[in-house]
Protein backbone atom coordinates (compact mmCIF):
# COMPACT_ATOMS: atom_id res chain seq x y z
CA MET A 1 58.27 47.84 58.39
CA ALA A 2 59.22 51.33 59.60
CA THR A 3 59.42 52.35 62.93
CA GLU A 4 57.03 55.20 63.51
CA ILE A 5 58.18 58.14 65.75
CA ALA A 6 55.99 60.69 66.72
CA VAL A 7 57.50 64.06 68.15
CA VAL A 8 54.69 65.55 70.25
CA VAL A 9 54.43 69.50 70.23
CA TYR A 10 52.50 71.53 72.19
CA ASP A 11 52.26 75.52 72.93
CA GLY A 12 55.38 76.64 74.80
CA PHE A 13 57.57 73.44 73.97
CA ASP A 14 61.07 74.27 73.72
CA GLU A 15 62.53 74.21 70.11
CA LEU A 16 65.53 72.30 70.55
CA ASP A 17 63.81 69.72 72.34
CA ALA A 18 61.72 68.61 69.70
CA VAL A 19 63.86 69.91 66.58
CA ALA A 20 67.00 68.06 67.43
CA PRO A 21 65.81 64.54 67.79
CA TYR A 22 63.84 65.33 64.56
CA GLU A 23 66.95 66.09 62.68
CA VAL A 24 68.97 63.47 63.97
CA PHE A 25 65.73 60.69 63.22
CA SER A 26 65.20 62.24 59.79
CA ASN A 27 69.18 62.14 59.11
CA ALA A 28 69.22 58.52 60.17
CA ALA A 29 66.39 57.88 57.83
CA ALA A 30 68.16 59.35 55.20
CA ARG A 31 70.98 56.88 55.57
CA GLY A 32 68.55 53.79 55.14
CA CYS A 33 67.31 53.19 58.57
CA ASP A 34 63.66 52.54 58.36
CA LEU A 35 62.17 55.19 60.56
CA ASP A 36 59.20 57.37 59.74
CA VAL A 37 59.42 60.46 62.02
CA SER A 38 56.71 63.20 62.55
CA LEU A 39 55.59 66.11 64.35
CA ARG A 40 52.18 65.59 66.13
CA ALA A 41 49.87 67.67 68.14
CA LEU A 42 47.09 66.42 70.96
CA ASP A 43 44.81 68.70 69.40
CA ALA A 44 43.32 70.01 66.37
CA ASP A 45 45.69 73.29 66.20
CA GLU A 46 47.42 73.01 62.81
CA THR A 47 50.21 75.44 64.04
CA VAL A 48 52.15 75.23 67.28
CA THR A 49 53.93 78.17 68.84
CA ALA A 50 57.48 77.34 70.68
CA SER A 51 58.66 78.78 73.56
CA HIS A 52 60.94 81.30 71.88
CA GLY A 53 58.33 82.07 69.19
CA LEU A 54 58.85 79.47 66.66
CA ARG A 55 55.74 78.62 64.83
CA ILE A 56 55.50 75.07 63.17
CA GLU A 57 52.76 73.33 61.14
CA VAL A 58 52.38 69.91 62.39
CA ASP A 59 52.07 66.60 60.44
CA GLY A 60 48.50 65.51 62.17
CA LEU A 61 47.14 64.61 65.51
CA LEU A 62 49.04 62.14 67.89
CA GLY A 63 45.70 60.25 68.30
CA ASP A 64 45.68 59.55 64.45
CA ALA A 65 49.09 58.18 64.45
CA ASP A 66 50.20 54.75 65.31
CA PRO A 67 53.74 55.18 66.88
CA ASP A 68 56.33 53.04 68.13
CA LEU A 69 57.74 55.50 70.06
CA VAL A 70 56.81 59.18 71.26
CA VAL A 71 59.21 61.66 72.01
CA VAL A 72 58.09 64.28 74.26
CA PRO A 73 59.89 67.77 74.70
CA GLY A 74 59.80 69.95 77.60
CA GLY A 75 59.73 73.69 78.04
CA GLY A 76 59.06 76.44 80.31
CA TRP A 77 58.15 74.13 83.23
CA ASN A 78 59.72 76.66 85.79
CA ASP A 79 57.85 80.00 84.16
CA ARG A 80 54.72 78.03 85.12
CA ALA A 81 53.05 79.61 82.09
CA ASP A 82 49.66 78.06 80.58
CA ALA A 83 52.03 77.48 77.22
CA SER A 84 54.73 75.17 78.67
CA ALA A 85 55.28 71.77 79.95
CA TRP A 86 53.94 72.87 83.39
CA GLY A 87 50.66 73.95 81.91
CA GLU A 88 50.25 70.80 79.83
CA ALA A 89 50.78 68.84 83.18
CA GLU A 90 48.24 70.94 84.98
CA LYS A 91 45.61 70.60 82.15
CA GLY A 92 46.46 66.57 82.34
CA ASP A 93 45.52 65.81 78.59
CA LEU A 94 48.85 65.16 77.46
CA PRO A 95 49.97 63.16 80.52
CA ARG A 96 46.86 60.89 80.18
CA ALA A 97 47.27 60.46 76.43
CA LEU A 98 51.11 59.18 76.97
CA ALA A 99 49.88 56.96 79.81
CA ALA A 100 47.29 55.44 77.36
CA LEU A 101 50.21 55.01 74.62
CA HIS A 102 52.45 53.31 77.31
CA GLU A 103 49.59 51.32 78.39
CA ARG A 104 49.60 50.16 74.39
CA GLY A 105 53.08 49.15 74.38
CA VAL A 106 54.49 52.30 72.88
CA GLU A 107 57.71 53.26 73.91
CA LEU A 108 58.13 57.06 75.42
CA ALA A 109 61.32 59.29 75.61
CA ALA A 110 61.38 62.62 77.21
CA VAL A 111 63.77 65.39 76.53
CA CYS A 112 64.87 68.31 79.34
CA THR A 113 61.47 68.50 81.29
CA GLY A 114 59.13 66.71 79.04
CA GLY A 115 60.37 64.03 81.86
CA MET A 116 57.90 65.92 84.19
CA LEU A 117 55.04 64.98 81.89
CA LEU A 118 56.22 61.40 81.96
CA ALA A 119 56.09 61.50 85.74
CA GLU A 120 52.74 63.24 85.68
CA ALA A 121 51.65 60.57 83.66
CA GLY A 122 52.85 57.77 86.31
CA VAL A 123 55.01 56.16 83.76
CA LEU A 124 58.43 57.30 85.89
CA ASP A 125 56.93 55.58 89.04
CA GLY A 126 59.69 53.36 90.58
CA ARG A 127 61.86 53.99 87.66
CA PRO A 128 65.43 55.66 86.94
CA ALA A 129 65.03 59.00 85.13
CA VAL A 130 66.35 62.33 84.90
CA THR A 131 65.14 66.01 83.90
CA HIS A 132 66.77 69.54 83.41
CA ALA A 133 68.50 70.39 86.32
CA SER A 134 66.14 73.29 87.30
CA ALA A 135 63.45 70.83 87.87
CA ARG A 136 65.43 67.91 89.43
CA ASP A 137 63.53 68.97 92.67
CA ASP A 138 60.08 68.71 91.11
CA LEU A 139 61.08 65.19 89.89
CA GLU A 140 62.59 64.25 93.04
CA ALA A 141 58.77 64.94 94.73
CA THR A 142 57.63 62.08 92.49
CA ASP A 143 57.92 58.26 92.57
CA ALA A 144 60.77 58.62 90.20
CA GLU A 145 64.16 57.38 91.19
CA VAL A 146 66.20 60.43 90.12
CA VAL A 147 69.95 59.64 88.84
CA ASP A 148 72.64 61.57 87.51
CA ALA A 149 73.15 60.90 84.02
CA ARG A 150 72.89 62.76 80.43
CA VAL A 151 70.59 59.67 79.27
CA VAL A 152 68.31 56.94 81.31
CA ASP A 153 67.44 54.05 79.31
CA ASP A 154 65.04 51.94 81.08
CA GLY A 155 64.08 49.84 78.18
CA ASP A 156 60.57 50.85 77.16
CA VAL A 157 61.06 54.66 78.95
CA LEU A 158 63.88 56.93 78.32
CA THR A 159 64.55 60.35 79.86
CA ALA A 160 67.24 62.85 78.82
CA GLY A 161 68.46 65.65 81.11
CA GLY A 162 68.70 69.28 79.74
CA VAL A 163 68.12 70.94 76.25
CA THR A 164 71.18 69.66 74.23
CA SER A 165 70.73 66.20 75.80
CA GLY A 166 67.91 65.58 73.14
CA LEU A 167 70.68 64.88 70.65
CA ASP A 168 72.43 62.30 72.70
CA LEU A 169 69.07 60.83 73.62
CA ALA A 170 68.28 60.47 69.94
CA LEU A 171 71.59 59.52 68.62
CA HIS A 172 71.43 56.60 71.34
CA LEU A 173 68.04 55.61 70.12
CA VAL A 174 69.65 55.69 66.58
CA ALA A 175 72.17 53.42 67.68
CA ARG A 176 69.33 50.65 69.27
CA LEU A 177 67.50 51.19 66.22
CA CYS A 178 69.74 51.27 63.41
CA GLY A 179 73.27 50.33 64.68
CA GLU A 180 76.27 52.13 65.91
CA GLU A 181 77.66 52.89 62.57
CA VAL A 182 74.53 54.95 61.53
CA ALA A 183 74.48 56.61 64.83
CA GLU A 184 78.40 57.46 64.38
CA GLU A 185 77.76 58.66 60.73
CA VAL A 186 74.74 61.07 61.69
CA ALA A 187 76.78 62.44 64.84
CA THR A 188 79.75 63.15 61.92
CA THR A 189 77.03 64.78 59.63
CA ILE A 190 75.78 67.35 62.50
CA GLU A 191 79.20 67.66 63.93
CA TYR A 192 78.35 66.65 67.41
CA ASP A 193 80.31 64.67 69.84
CA THR A 194 78.13 62.79 72.07
CA ARG A 195 78.96 63.30 75.75
CA GLY A 196 77.84 62.51 79.28
CA ALA A 197 76.52 59.05 80.86
CA ILE A 198 73.92 57.09 79.74
CA HIS A 199 72.31 54.93 82.60
CA ARG A 200 71.10 51.75 81.29
CA SER A 201 68.87 49.71 83.87
CA ASP A 202 70.26 46.58 82.24
CA GLU A 203 73.71 47.39 83.56
CA SER A 204 72.98 48.78 86.82
């Protein structure tokens, strides 16, 4: 049975935060790894506008999916705009949905300031985590344990630092789900050298 991965998008998400993991997972699936990745929105809008103006069509609603893993991009946190990760945190609907998914046993992975949405959902309380450097103070003000790492793997909850760290996060997940060989093949295909430290709770 395929591992269902939903990348949740919202108005103001950072393009690379979402598209980079989507491409990594899609490349892994093309190499025989049993992954099914989709772009999902929380509400009924069929088109979502990202932070730099990219407009994308989603595959459906998050509530209609049955994901094993949900990837949460960041975007525009420090702008404090309505269309941003901060705006989603203020509205509260997405954090509540993420909390409910985690309660159901769904794994959550956040890129950049998507980690702030996990913090708002309460799933980072007492757990190691990282976010974009510009939002570190905000994460430290929560109950998360902020660590210095490119990617933090705390089992069923993962976070990654800045925008390009979504590549490292996704490749790490591919290695977990599909094996190191597939992850290396994908990294070679996209011509990306993984970098930065990965903090694993089982090694701390």
